[in-house]
Amino acid sequence: MLSAIGTLSGLRGGNNYPTLIRKTEPKALRVFLQDGSTDLNIYGGDWWMANQEMERALTFAGYEVDHIWATEVTTASR
């Protein structure tokens, strides 16, 4: 599964996924997550923190997880 800057915040219930993943038997999936520290932080939540929480939940549940966390804005991404 690939999640590039996933909306896992409090919009449409995306914030519930980390808890559900922790409580459910893992599936045969490999997961790759990508996000950056300058992602949205609005009324529905903080995308940056939500994606990190998702990575921790997937790891806790036993999934094979890899990720890239960007912490700076580059000229290529502006």
C-alpha atoms as a PDB file:
ATOM      1  CA  MET A   1       0.000   0.000   0.000  1.00  0.00           C
ATOM      2  CA  LEU A   2       1.278   3.498  -0.820  1.00  0.00           C
ATOM      3  CA  SER A   3       0.166   6.565   1.073  1.00  0.00           C
ATOM      4  CA  ALA A   4       1.644   9.827  -0.143  1.00  0.00           C
ATOM      5  CA  ILE A   5       0.622  12.550   2.302  1.00  0.00           C
ATOM      6  CA  GLY A   6      -2.431  10.642   3.503  1.00  0.00           C
ATOM      7  CA  THR A   7      -5.411  12.467   4.979  1.00  0.00           C
ATOM      8  CA  LEU A   8      -5.483  10.676   8.317  1.00  0.00           C
ATOM      9  CA  SER A   9      -6.751  13.620  10.326  1.00  0.00           C
ATOM     10  CA  GLY A  10     -10.178  14.351  11.747  1.00  0.00           C
ATOM     11  CA  LEU A  11     -11.800  14.868   8.347  1.00  0.00           C
ATOM     12  CA  ARG A  12     -14.276  12.119   7.442  1.00  0.00           C
ATOM     13  CA  GLY A  13     -12.990   9.862  10.219  1.00  0.00           C
ATOM     14  CA  GLY A  14      -9.426   9.355   9.004  1.00  0.00           C
ATOM     15  CA  ASN A  15      -8.203   9.831  12.568  1.00  0.00           C
ATOM     16  CA  ASN A  16      -9.892   6.536  13.551  1.00  0.00           C
ATOM     17  CA  TYR A  17      -7.656   4.340  11.371  1.00  0.00           C
ATOM     18  CA  PRO A  18      -4.633   4.075  13.695  1.00  0.00           C
ATOM     19  CA  THR A  19      -6.796   2.700  16.506  1.00  0.00           C
ATOM     20  CA  LEU A  20      -8.604   0.289  14.182  1.00  0.00           C
ATOM     21  CA  ILE A  21      -5.286  -0.973  12.817  1.00  0.00           C
ATOM     22  CA  ARG A  22      -3.986  -1.633  16.337  1.00  0.00           C
ATOM     23  CA  LYS A  23      -7.110  -3.680  17.181  1.00  0.00           C
ATOM     24  CA  THR A  24      -7.340  -5.719  13.949  1.00  0.00           C
ATOM     25  CA  GLU A  25      -5.333  -8.743  12.821  1.00  0.00           C
ATOM     26  CA  PRO A  26      -2.801  -7.558  10.200  1.00  0.00           C
ATOM     27  CA  LYS A  27      -3.322  -8.282   6.512  1.00  0.00           C
ATOM     28  CA  ALA A  28      -0.639  -9.448   4.068  1.00  0.00           C
ATOM     29  CA  LEU A  29       0.422  -5.941   3.077  1.00  0.00           C
ATOM     30  CA  ARG A  30       3.614  -3.935   2.849  1.00  0.00           C
ATOM     31  CA  VAL A  31       3.123  -0.250   3.524  1.00  0.00           C
ATOM     32  CA  PHE A  32       5.003   2.861   2.406  1.00  0.00           C
ATOM     33  CA  LEU A  33       4.149   6.271   3.875  1.00  0.00           C
ATOM     34  CA  GLN A  34       5.376   9.705   2.802  1.00  0.00           C
ATOM     35  CA  ASP A  35       4.780  13.104   4.368  1.00  0.00           C
ATOM     36  CA  GLY A  36       6.531  16.325   5.292  1.00  0.00           C
ATOM     37  CA  SER A  37       6.707  18.568   8.326  1.00  0.00           C
ATOM     38  CA  THR A  38       5.182  21.473   6.394  1.00  0.00           C
ATOM     39  CA  ASP A  39       1.949  19.562   5.665  1.00  0.00           C
ATOM     40  CA  LEU A  40      -1.442  20.985   6.688  1.00  0.00           C
ATOM     41  CA  ASN A  41      -2.296  21.788  10.292  1.00  0.00           C
ATOM     42  CA  ILE A  42      -5.918  22.987  10.257  1.00  0.00           C
ATOM     43  CA  TYR A  43      -9.193  22.613  12.192  1.00  0.00           C
ATOM     44  CA  GLY A  44      -9.414  18.914  11.206  1.00  0.00           C
ATOM     45  CA  GLY A  45      -5.995  18.065  12.586  1.00  0.00           C
ATOM     46  CA  ASP A  46      -2.305  17.923  11.848  1.00  0.00           C
ATOM     47  CA  TRP A  47      -1.463  15.778   8.788  1.00  0.00           C
ATOM     48  CA  TRP A  48       2.236  15.527   9.749  1.00  0.00           C
ATOM     49  CA  MET A  49       1.489  14.103  13.206  1.00  0.00           C
ATOM     50  CA  ALA A  50      -1.359  11.906  11.928  1.00  0.00           C
ATOM     51  CA  ASN A  51       0.896  10.218   9.373  1.00  0.00           C
ATOM     52  CA  GLN A  52       3.514   9.540  12.055  1.00  0.00           C
ATOM     53  CA  GLU A  53       0.799   8.088  14.303  1.00  0.00           C
ATOM     54  CA  MET A  54      -0.288   5.829  11.425  1.00  0.00           C
ATOM     55  CA  GLU A  55       3.283   4.571  10.973  1.00  0.00           C
ATOM     56  CA  ARG A  56       3.515   3.716  14.678  1.00  0.00           C
ATOM     57  CA  ALA A  57       0.151   1.922  14.625  1.00  0.00           C
ATOM     58  CA  LEU A  58       1.125  -0.138  11.570  1.00  0.00           C
ATOM     59  CA  THR A  59       4.457  -1.070  13.172  1.00  0.00           C
ATOM     60  CA  PHE A  60       2.695  -1.990  16.431  1.00  0.00           C
ATOM     61  CA  ALA A  61       0.271  -4.235  14.525  1.00  0.00           C
ATOM     62  CA  GLY A  62       3.115  -6.095  12.801  1.00  0.00           C
ATOM     63  CA  TYR A  63       2.988  -4.661   9.300  1.00  0.00           C
ATOM     64  CA  GLU A  64       6.112  -4.277   7.175  1.00  0.00           C
ATOM     65  CA  VAL A  65       6.333  -0.475   7.028  1.00  0.00           C
ATOM     66  CA  ASP A  66       8.746   1.955   5.397  1.00  0.00           C
ATOM     67  CA  HIS A  67       8.449   5.722   5.243  1.00  0.00           C
ATOM     68  CA  ILE A  68      10.022   8.990   4.154  1.00  0.00           C
ATOM     69  CA  TRP A  69       9.562  12.008   6.394  1.00  0.00           C
ATOM     70  CA  ALA A  70      10.705  15.290   4.827  1.00  0.00           C
ATOM     71  CA  THR A  71      11.526  18.115   7.191  1.00  0.00           C
ATOM     72  CA  GLU A  72      12.447  20.918   4.803  1.00  0.00           C
ATOM     73  CA  VAL A  73      10.861  22.556   1.786  1.00  0.00           C
ATOM     74  CA  THR A  74      13.041  22.184  -1.292  1.00  0.00           C
ATOM     75  CA  THR A  75      12.941  24.323  -4.415  1.00  0.00           C
ATOM     76  CA  ALA A  76      11.645  21.316  -6.359  1.00  0.00           C
ATOM     77  CA  SER A  77       8.556  21.062  -4.133  1.00  0.00           C
ATOM     78  CA  ARG A  78       7.611  24.774  -4.044  1.00  0.00           C
END
